[in-house]
Amino acid sequence: TRLAGGAPTNSSNGDGERRYYGTELDFGIRGRVDIRNFWLMAGLQGGVLLPGAGLANQAGNPDKAVGAIWLRTEIRY
């Protein structure tokens, strides 16, 4: 904020007084199969962030939504 003359700003040089960072939505599903002396597990997880006014730039425009997906597998014996 010292670089902006003491005015509070966020990392995008936007209004630092805004506190709503956005909404994060997460989801996941997992399944397991037992076969004799071992089991196999597989899962899918994902999430999306919908940025709010706290992450907006100097013009007041928030970033676009960002998301990620993970696939997980595991074998145990």
PDB file of N, CA and C in Angstrom:
ATOM      1  N   THR A   1       0.818  -1.204   0.000  1.00  0.00           N
ATOM      2  CA  THR A   1       0.000   0.000   0.000  1.00  0.00           C
ATOM      3  C   THR A   1       0.855   1.258   0.000  1.00  0.00           C
ATOM      4  N   ARG A   2       2.073   1.172   0.445  1.00  0.00           N
ATOM      5  CA  ARG A   2       2.931   2.357   0.424  1.00  0.00           C
ATOM      6  C   ARG A   2       3.201   2.798  -1.017  1.00  0.00           C
ATOM      7  N   LEU A   3       3.306   1.846  -1.945  1.00  0.00           N
ATOM      8  CA  LEU A   3       3.536   2.186  -3.347  1.00  0.00           C
ATOM      9  C   LEU A   3       2.350   2.929  -3.952  1.00  0.00           C
ATOM     10  N   ALA A   4       1.159   2.700  -3.446  1.00  0.00           N
ATOM     11  CA  ALA A   4      -0.042   3.359  -3.960  1.00  0.00           C
ATOM     12  C   ALA A   4      -0.365   4.620  -3.160  1.00  0.00           C
ATOM     13  N   GLY A   5       0.597   5.147  -2.415  1.00  0.00           N
ATOM     14  CA  GLY A   5       0.364   6.380  -1.659  1.00  0.00           C
ATOM     15  C   GLY A   5      -0.389   6.174  -0.361  1.00  0.00           C
ATOM     16  N   GLY A   6      -0.315   4.989   0.204  1.00  0.00           N
ATOM     17  CA  GLY A   6      -0.977   4.716   1.467  1.00  0.00           C
ATOM     18  C   GLY A   6      -2.409   4.220   1.328  1.00  0.00           C
ATOM     19  N   ALA A   7      -2.943   4.177   0.119  1.00  0.00           N
ATOM     20  CA  ALA A   7      -4.302   3.671  -0.085  1.00  0.00           C
ATOM     21  C   ALA A   7      -4.284   2.144  -0.057  1.00  0.00           C
ATOM     22  N   PRO A   8      -5.214   1.496   0.661  1.00  0.00           N
ATOM     23  CA  PRO A   8      -5.223   0.035   0.695  1.00  0.00           C
ATOM     24  C   PRO A   8      -5.594  -0.549  -0.668  1.00  0.00           C
ATOM     25  N   THR A   9      -4.759  -1.465  -1.157  1.00  0.00           N
ATOM     26  CA  THR A   9      -5.007  -2.121  -2.441  1.00  0.00           C
ATOM     27  C   THR A   9      -4.801  -3.626  -2.289  1.00  0.00           C
ATOM     28  N   ASN A  10      -5.382  -4.389  -3.208  1.00  0.00           N
ATOM     29  CA  ASN A  10      -5.144  -5.828  -3.214  1.00  0.00           C
ATOM     30  C   ASN A  10      -3.979  -6.142  -4.159  1.00  0.00           C
ATOM     31  N   SER A  11      -3.725  -7.419  -4.414  1.00  0.00           N
ATOM     32  CA  SER A  11      -2.588  -7.808  -5.257  1.00  0.00           C
ATOM     33  C   SER A  11      -2.764  -7.422  -6.722  1.00  0.00           C
ATOM     34  N   SER A  12      -3.985  -7.092  -7.147  1.00  0.00           N
ATOM     35  CA  SER A  12      -4.243  -6.646  -8.522  1.00  0.00           C
ATOM     36  C   SER A  12      -4.382  -5.135  -8.608  1.00  0.00           C
ATOM     37  N   ASN A  13      -3.937  -4.441  -7.557  1.00  0.00           N
ATOM     38  CA  ASN A  13      -4.013  -2.980  -7.466  1.00  0.00           C
ATOM     39  C   ASN A  13      -5.462  -2.494  -7.413  1.00  0.00           C
ATOM     40  N   GLY A  14      -6.377  -3.362  -6.977  1.00  0.00           N
ATOM     41  CA  GLY A  14      -7.790  -3.000  -6.837  1.00  0.00           C
ATOM     42  C   GLY A  14      -8.083  -2.443  -5.460  1.00  0.00           C
ATOM     43  N   ASP A  15      -9.334  -2.160  -5.201  1.00  0.00           N
ATOM     44  CA  ASP A  15      -9.785  -1.583  -3.934  1.00  0.00           C
ATOM     45  C   ASP A  15      -9.557  -2.571  -2.792  1.00  0.00           C
ATOM     46  N   GLY A  16      -8.704  -2.219  -1.866  1.00  0.00           N
ATOM     47  CA  GLY A  16      -8.383  -3.088  -0.740  1.00  0.00           C
ATOM     48  C   GLY A  16      -9.426  -3.099   0.352  1.00  0.00           C
ATOM     49  N   GLU A  17     -10.424  -2.259   0.265  1.00  0.00           N
ATOM     50  CA  GLU A  17     -11.487  -2.214   1.263  1.00  0.00           C
ATOM     51  C   GLU A  17     -12.513  -3.329   1.058  1.00  0.00           C
ATOM     52  N   ARG A  18     -12.534  -3.931  -0.095  1.00  0.00           N
ATOM     53  CA  ARG A  18     -13.503  -4.998  -0.388  1.00  0.00           C
ATOM     54  C   ARG A  18     -13.022  -6.302   0.234  1.00  0.00           C
ATOM     55  N   ARG A  19     -13.905  -6.998   0.913  1.00  0.00           N
ATOM     56  CA  ARG A  19     -13.519  -8.191   1.671  1.00  0.00           C
ATOM     57  C   ARG A  19     -14.045  -9.505   1.097  1.00  0.00           C
ATOM     58  N   TYR A  20     -14.985  -9.462   0.171  1.00  0.00           N
ATOM     59  CA  TYR A  20     -15.562 -10.698  -0.368  1.00  0.00           C
ATOM     60  C   TYR A  20     -14.627 -11.269  -1.424  1.00  0.00           C
ATOM     61  N   TYR A  21     -13.937 -12.356  -1.077  1.00  0.00           N
ATOM     62  CA  TYR A  21     -12.968 -12.954  -1.989  1.00  0.00           C
ATOM     63  C   TYR A  21     -13.611 -13.862  -3.028  1.00  0.00           C
ATOM     64  N   GLY A  22     -14.806 -14.326  -2.786  1.00  0.00           N
ATOM     65  CA  GLY A  22     -15.482 -15.169  -3.756  1.00  0.00           C
ATOM     66  C   GLY A  22     -16.063 -16.414  -3.118  1.00  0.00           C
ATOM     67  N   THR A  23     -16.516 -17.318  -3.963  1.00  0.00           N
ATOM     68  CA  THR A  23     -17.133 -18.566  -3.518  1.00  0.00           C
ATOM     69  C   THR A  23     -16.373 -19.737  -4.124  1.00  0.00           C
ATOM     70  N   GLU A  24     -16.070 -20.723  -3.285  1.00  0.00           N
ATOM     71  CA  GLU A  24     -15.399 -21.935  -3.750  1.00  0.00           C
ATOM     72  C   GLU A  24     -16.374 -23.101  -3.650  1.00  0.00           C
ATOM     73  N   LEU A  25     -16.507 -23.840  -4.726  1.00  0.00           N
ATOM     74  CA  LEU A  25     -17.366 -25.021  -4.763  1.00  0.00           C
ATOM     75  C   LEU A  25     -16.493 -26.250  -4.986  1.00  0.00           C
ATOM     76  N   ASP A  26     -16.639 -27.257  -4.129  1.00  0.00           N
ATOM     77  CA  ASP A  26     -15.851 -28.485  -4.216  1.00  0.00           C
ATOM     78  C   ASP A  26     -16.781 -29.686  -4.341  1.00  0.00           C
ATOM     79  N   PHE A  27     -16.305 -30.718  -5.019  1.00  0.00           N
ATOM     80  CA  PHE A  27     -17.080 -31.945  -5.147  1.00  0.00           C
ATOM     81  C   PHE A  27     -16.125 -33.123  -5.212  1.00  0.00           C
ATOM     82  N   GLY A  28     -16.642 -34.304  -4.908  1.00  0.00           N
ATOM     83  CA  GLY A  28     -15.820 -35.498  -4.981  1.00  0.00           C
ATOM     84  C   GLY A  28     -16.660 -36.758  -4.921  1.00  0.00           C
ATOM     85  N   ILE A  29     -16.104 -37.816  -5.474  1.00  0.00           N
ATOM     86  CA  ILE A  29     -16.743 -39.126  -5.443  1.00  0.00           C
ATOM     87  C   ILE A  29     -15.628 -40.171  -5.373  1.00  0.00           C
ATOM     88  N   ARG A  30     -15.905 -41.250  -4.624  1.00  0.00           N
ATOM     89  CA  ARG A  30     -14.890 -42.280  -4.463  1.00  0.00           C
ATOM     90  C   ARG A  30     -15.572 -43.638  -4.384  1.00  0.00           C
ATOM     91  N   GLY A  31     -14.938 -44.640  -4.966  1.00  0.00           N
ATOM     92  CA  GLY A  31     -15.457 -46.000  -4.916  1.00  0.00           C
ATOM     93  C   GLY A  31     -14.346 -46.988  -4.617  1.00  0.00           C
ATOM     94  N   ARG A  32     -14.724 -48.126  -4.026  1.00  0.00           N
ATOM     95  CA  ARG A  32     -13.733 -49.131  -3.655  1.00  0.00           C
ATOM     96  C   ARG A  32     -14.256 -50.514  -4.011  1.00  0.00           C
ATOM     97  N   VAL A  33     -13.358 -51.356  -4.539  1.00  0.00           N
ATOM     98  CA  VAL A  33     -13.691 -52.732  -4.905  1.00  0.00           C
ATOM     99  C   VAL A  33     -12.738 -53.660  -4.162  1.00  0.00           C
ATOM    100  N   ASP A  34     -13.288 -54.646  -3.441  1.00  0.00           N
ATOM    101  CA  ASP A  34     -12.480 -55.650  -2.743  1.00  0.00           C
ATOM    102  C   ASP A  34     -12.352 -56.892  -3.617  1.00  0.00           C
ATOM    103  N   ILE A  35     -11.098 -57.317  -3.858  1.00  0.00           N
ATOM    104  CA  ILE A  35     -10.825 -58.506  -4.671  1.00  0.00           C
ATOM    105  C   ILE A  35      -9.817 -59.368  -3.915  1.00  0.00           C
ATOM    106  N   ARG A  36     -10.277 -60.471  -3.376  1.00  0.00           N
ATOM    107  CA  ARG A  36      -9.462 -61.405  -2.597  1.00  0.00           C
ATOM    108  C   ARG A  36      -8.656 -60.695  -1.519  1.00  0.00           C
ATOM    109  N   ASN A  37      -7.321 -60.641  -1.676  1.00  0.00           N
ATOM    110  CA  ASN A  37      -6.472 -60.065  -0.628  1.00  0.00           C
ATOM    111  C   ASN A  37      -6.068 -58.618  -0.875  1.00  0.00           C
ATOM    112  N   PHE A  38      -6.670 -57.962  -1.820  1.00  0.00           N
ATOM    113  CA  PHE A  38      -6.354 -56.547  -2.037  1.00  0.00           C
ATOM    114  C   PHE A  38      -7.607 -55.799  -2.467  1.00  0.00           C
ATOM    115  N   TRP A  39      -7.515 -54.483  -2.435  1.00  0.00           N
ATOM    116  CA  TRP A  39      -8.636 -53.666  -2.902  1.00  0.00           C
ATOM    117  C   TRP A  39      -8.138 -52.504  -3.734  1.00  0.00           C
ATOM    118  N   LEU A  40      -9.001 -52.095  -4.623  1.00  0.00           N
ATOM    119  CA  LEU A  40      -8.716 -50.994  -5.545  1.00  0.00           C
ATOM    120  C   LEU A  40      -9.682 -49.853  -5.244  1.00  0.00           C
ATOM    121  N   MET A  41      -9.131 -48.673  -5.091  1.00  0.00           N
ATOM    122  CA  MET A  41      -9.960 -47.503  -4.853  1.00  0.00           C
ATOM    123  C   MET A  41      -9.694 -46.487  -5.954  1.00  0.00           C
ATOM    124  N   ALA A  42     -10.746 -45.828  -6.433  1.00  0.00           N
ATOM    125  CA  ALA A  42     -10.620 -44.761  -7.428  1.00  0.00           C
ATOM    126  C   ALA A  42     -11.517 -43.606  -7.001  1.00  0.00           C
ATOM    127  N   GLY A  43     -11.041 -42.409  -7.244  1.00  0.00           N
ATOM    128  CA  GLY A  43     -11.822 -41.239  -6.865  1.00  0.00           C
ATOM    129  C   GLY A  43     -11.599 -40.091  -7.824  1.00  0.00           C
ATOM    130  N   LEU A  44     -12.565 -39.215  -7.849  1.00  0.00           N
ATOM    131  CA  LEU A  44     -12.513 -38.016  -8.676  1.00  0.00           C
ATOM    132  C   LEU A  44     -12.894 -36.836  -7.797  1.00  0.00           C
ATOM    133  N   GLN A  45     -12.052 -35.807  -7.790  1.00  0.00           N
ATOM    134  CA  GLN A  45     -12.304 -34.603  -7.002  1.00  0.00           C
ATOM    135  C   GLN A  45     -12.156 -33.393  -7.898  1.00  0.00           C
ATOM    136  N   GLY A  46     -12.884 -32.359  -7.585  1.00  0.00           N
ATOM    137  CA  GLY A  46     -12.783 -31.130  -8.365  1.00  0.00           C
ATOM    138  C   GLY A  46     -13.254 -29.931  -7.570  1.00  0.00           C
ATOM    139  N   GLY A  47     -12.929 -28.775  -8.072  1.00  0.00           N
ATOM    140  CA  GLY A  47     -13.345 -27.547  -7.415  1.00  0.00           C
ATOM    141  C   GLY A  47     -13.287 -26.377  -8.378  1.00  0.00           C
ATOM    142  N   VAL A  48     -14.040 -25.340  -8.046  1.00  0.00           N
ATOM    143  CA  VAL A  48     -14.048 -24.120  -8.851  1.00  0.00           C
ATOM    144  C   VAL A  48     -14.120 -22.927  -7.901  1.00  0.00           C
ATOM    145  N   LEU A  49     -13.369 -21.886  -8.222  1.00  0.00           N
ATOM    146  CA  LEU A  49     -13.398 -20.634  -7.462  1.00  0.00           C
ATOM    147  C   LEU A  49     -14.042 -19.570  -8.332  1.00  0.00           C
ATOM    148  N   LEU A  50     -15.081 -18.947  -7.809  1.00  0.00           N
ATOM    149  CA  LEU A  50     -15.758 -17.833  -8.471  1.00  0.00           C
ATOM    150  C   LEU A  50     -15.329 -16.565  -7.747  1.00  0.00           C
ATOM    151  N   PRO A  51     -14.320 -15.834  -8.273  1.00  0.00           N
ATOM    152  CA  PRO A  51     -13.745 -14.692  -7.564  1.00  0.00           C
ATOM    153  C   PRO A  51     -14.759 -13.576  -7.334  1.00  0.00           C
ATOM    154  N   GLY A  52     -14.630 -12.927  -6.183  1.00  0.00           N
ATOM    155  CA  GLY A  52     -15.509 -11.817  -5.831  1.00  0.00           C
ATOM    156  C   GLY A  52     -14.803 -10.479  -5.923  1.00  0.00           C
ATOM    157  N   ALA A  53     -15.423  -9.454  -5.356  1.00  0.00           N
ATOM    158  CA  ALA A  53     -14.926  -8.086  -5.446  1.00  0.00           C
ATOM    159  C   ALA A  53     -13.584  -7.892  -4.737  1.00  0.00           C
ATOM    160  N   GLY A  54     -13.270  -8.711  -3.753  1.00  0.00           N
ATOM    161  CA  GLY A  54     -12.000  -8.593  -3.050  1.00  0.00           C
ATOM    162  C   GLY A  54     -10.798  -8.931  -3.913  1.00  0.00           C
ATOM    163  N   LEU A  55     -11.020  -9.606  -5.032  1.00  0.00           N
ATOM    164  CA  LEU A  55      -9.944  -9.964  -5.962  1.00  0.00           C
ATOM    165  C   LEU A  55     -10.043  -9.197  -7.277  1.00  0.00           C
ATOM    166  N   ALA A  56     -10.839  -8.139  -7.303  1.00  0.00           N
ATOM    167  CA  ALA A  56     -11.027  -7.352  -8.528  1.00  0.00           C
ATOM    168  C   ALA A  56      -9.816  -6.463  -8.797  1.00  0.00           C
ATOM    169  N   ASN A  57      -9.617  -6.104 -10.068  1.00  0.00           N
ATOM    170  CA  ASN A  57      -8.506  -5.221 -10.435  1.00  0.00           C
ATOM    171  C   ASN A  57      -8.884  -3.760 -10.206  1.00  0.00           C
ATOM    172  N   GLN A  58      -8.034  -2.860 -10.647  1.00  0.00           N
ATOM    173  CA  GLN A  58      -8.239  -1.435 -10.410  1.00  0.00           C
ATOM    174  C   GLN A  58      -9.519  -0.917 -11.075  1.00  0.00           C
ATOM    175  N   ALA A  59      -9.929  -1.524 -12.185  1.00  0.00           N
ATOM    176  CA  ALA A  59     -11.154  -1.114 -12.880  1.00  0.00           C
ATOM    177  C   ALA A  59     -12.406  -1.715 -12.240  1.00  0.00           C
ATOM    178  N   GLY A  60     -12.227  -2.595 -11.243  1.00  0.00           N
ATOM    179  CA  GLY A  60     -13.364  -3.219 -10.573  1.00  0.00           C
ATOM    180  C   GLY A  60     -13.810  -4.524 -11.188  1.00  0.00           C
ATOM    181  N   ASN A  61     -13.048  -5.051 -12.137  1.00  0.00           N
ATOM    182  CA  ASN A  61     -13.395  -6.309 -12.804  1.00  0.00           C
ATOM    183  C   ASN A  61     -12.749  -7.487 -12.079  1.00  0.00           C
ATOM    184  N   PRO A  62     -13.536  -8.449 -11.591  1.00  0.00           N
ATOM    185  CA  PRO A  62     -12.940  -9.622 -10.936  1.00  0.00           C
ATOM    186  C   PRO A  62     -12.338 -10.572 -11.966  1.00  0.00           C
ATOM    187  N   ASP A  63     -11.453 -11.450 -11.503  1.00  0.00           N
ATOM    188  CA  ASP A  63     -10.870 -12.471 -12.375  1.00  0.00           C
ATOM    189  C   ASP A  63     -11.952 -13.434 -12.852  1.00  0.00           C
ATOM    190  N   LYS A  64     -11.620 -14.214 -13.876  1.00  0.00           N
ATOM    191  CA  LYS A  64     -12.529 -15.256 -14.359  1.00  0.00           C
ATOM    192  C   LYS A  64     -12.482 -16.444 -13.399  1.00  0.00           C
ATOM    193  N   ALA A  65     -13.478 -17.280 -13.482  1.00  0.00           N
ATOM    194  CA  ALA A  65     -13.528 -18.474 -12.641  1.00  0.00           C
ATOM    195  C   ALA A  65     -12.343 -19.386 -12.965  1.00  0.00           C
ATOM    196  N   VAL A  66     -11.845 -20.066 -11.944  1.00  0.00           N
ATOM    197  CA  VAL A  66     -10.729 -20.991 -12.117  1.00  0.00           C
ATOM    198  C   VAL A  66     -11.118 -22.315 -11.455  1.00  0.00           C
ATOM    199  N   GLY A  67     -10.710 -23.425 -12.073  1.00  0.00           N
ATOM    200  CA  GLY A  67     -11.075 -24.732 -11.543  1.00  0.00           C
ATOM    201  C   GLY A  67      -9.965 -25.745 -11.704  1.00  0.00           C
ATOM    202  N   ALA A  68     -10.131 -26.868 -11.028  1.00  0.00           N
ATOM    203  CA  ALA A  68      -9.157 -27.957 -11.102  1.00  0.00           C
ATOM    204  C   ALA A  68      -9.883 -29.282 -10.884  1.00  0.00           C
ATOM    205  N   ILE A  69      -9.332 -30.352 -11.476  1.00  0.00           N
ATOM    206  CA  ILE A  69      -9.881 -31.699 -11.327  1.00  0.00           C
ATOM    207  C   ILE A  69      -8.727 -32.652 -11.011  1.00  0.00           C
ATOM    208  N   TRP A  70      -8.948 -33.570 -10.058  1.00  0.00           N
ATOM    209  CA  TRP A  70      -7.954 -34.566  -9.683  1.00  0.00           C
ATOM    210  C   TRP A  70      -8.562 -35.952  -9.814  1.00  0.00           C
ATOM    211  N   LEU A  71      -7.782 -36.885 -10.346  1.00  0.00           N
ATOM    212  CA  LEU A  71      -8.158 -38.294 -10.400  1.00  0.00           C
ATOM    213  C   LEU A  71      -7.188 -39.050  -9.505  1.00  0.00           C
ATOM    214  N   ARG A  72      -7.729 -39.855  -8.602  1.00  0.00           N
ATOM    215  CA  ARG A  72      -6.888 -40.564  -7.648  1.00  0.00           C
ATOM    216  C   ARG A  72      -7.186 -42.055  -7.728  1.00  0.00           C
ATOM    217  N   THR A  73      -6.139 -42.862  -7.751  1.00  0.00           N
ATOM    218  CA  THR A  73      -6.292 -44.317  -7.689  1.00  0.00           C
ATOM    219  C   THR A  73      -5.359 -44.859  -6.616  1.00  0.00           C
ATOM    220  N   GLU A  74      -5.763 -45.967  -6.020  1.00  0.00           N
ATOM    221  CA  GLU A  74      -4.959 -46.560  -4.952  1.00  0.00           C
ATOM    222  C   GLU A  74      -5.207 -48.063  -4.924  1.00  0.00           C
ATOM    223  N   ILE A  75      -4.134 -48.827  -4.754  1.00  0.00           N
ATOM    224  CA  ILE A  75      -4.228 -50.279  -4.613  1.00  0.00           C
ATOM    225  C   ILE A  75      -3.568 -50.654  -3.292  1.00  0.00           C
ATOM    226  N   ARG A  76      -4.269 -51.442  -2.490  1.00  0.00           N
ATOM    227  CA  ARG A  76      -3.706 -51.926  -1.220  1.00  0.00           C
ATOM    228  C   ARG A  76      -3.823 -53.443  -1.165  1.00  0.00           C
ATOM    229  N   TYR A  77      -2.834 -54.059  -0.526  1.00  0.00           N
ATOM    230  CA  TYR A  77      -2.854 -55.512  -0.381  1.00  0.00           C
ATOM    231  C   TYR A  77      -2.417 -55.914   1.000  1.00  0.00           C
TER     232      TYR A  77
END
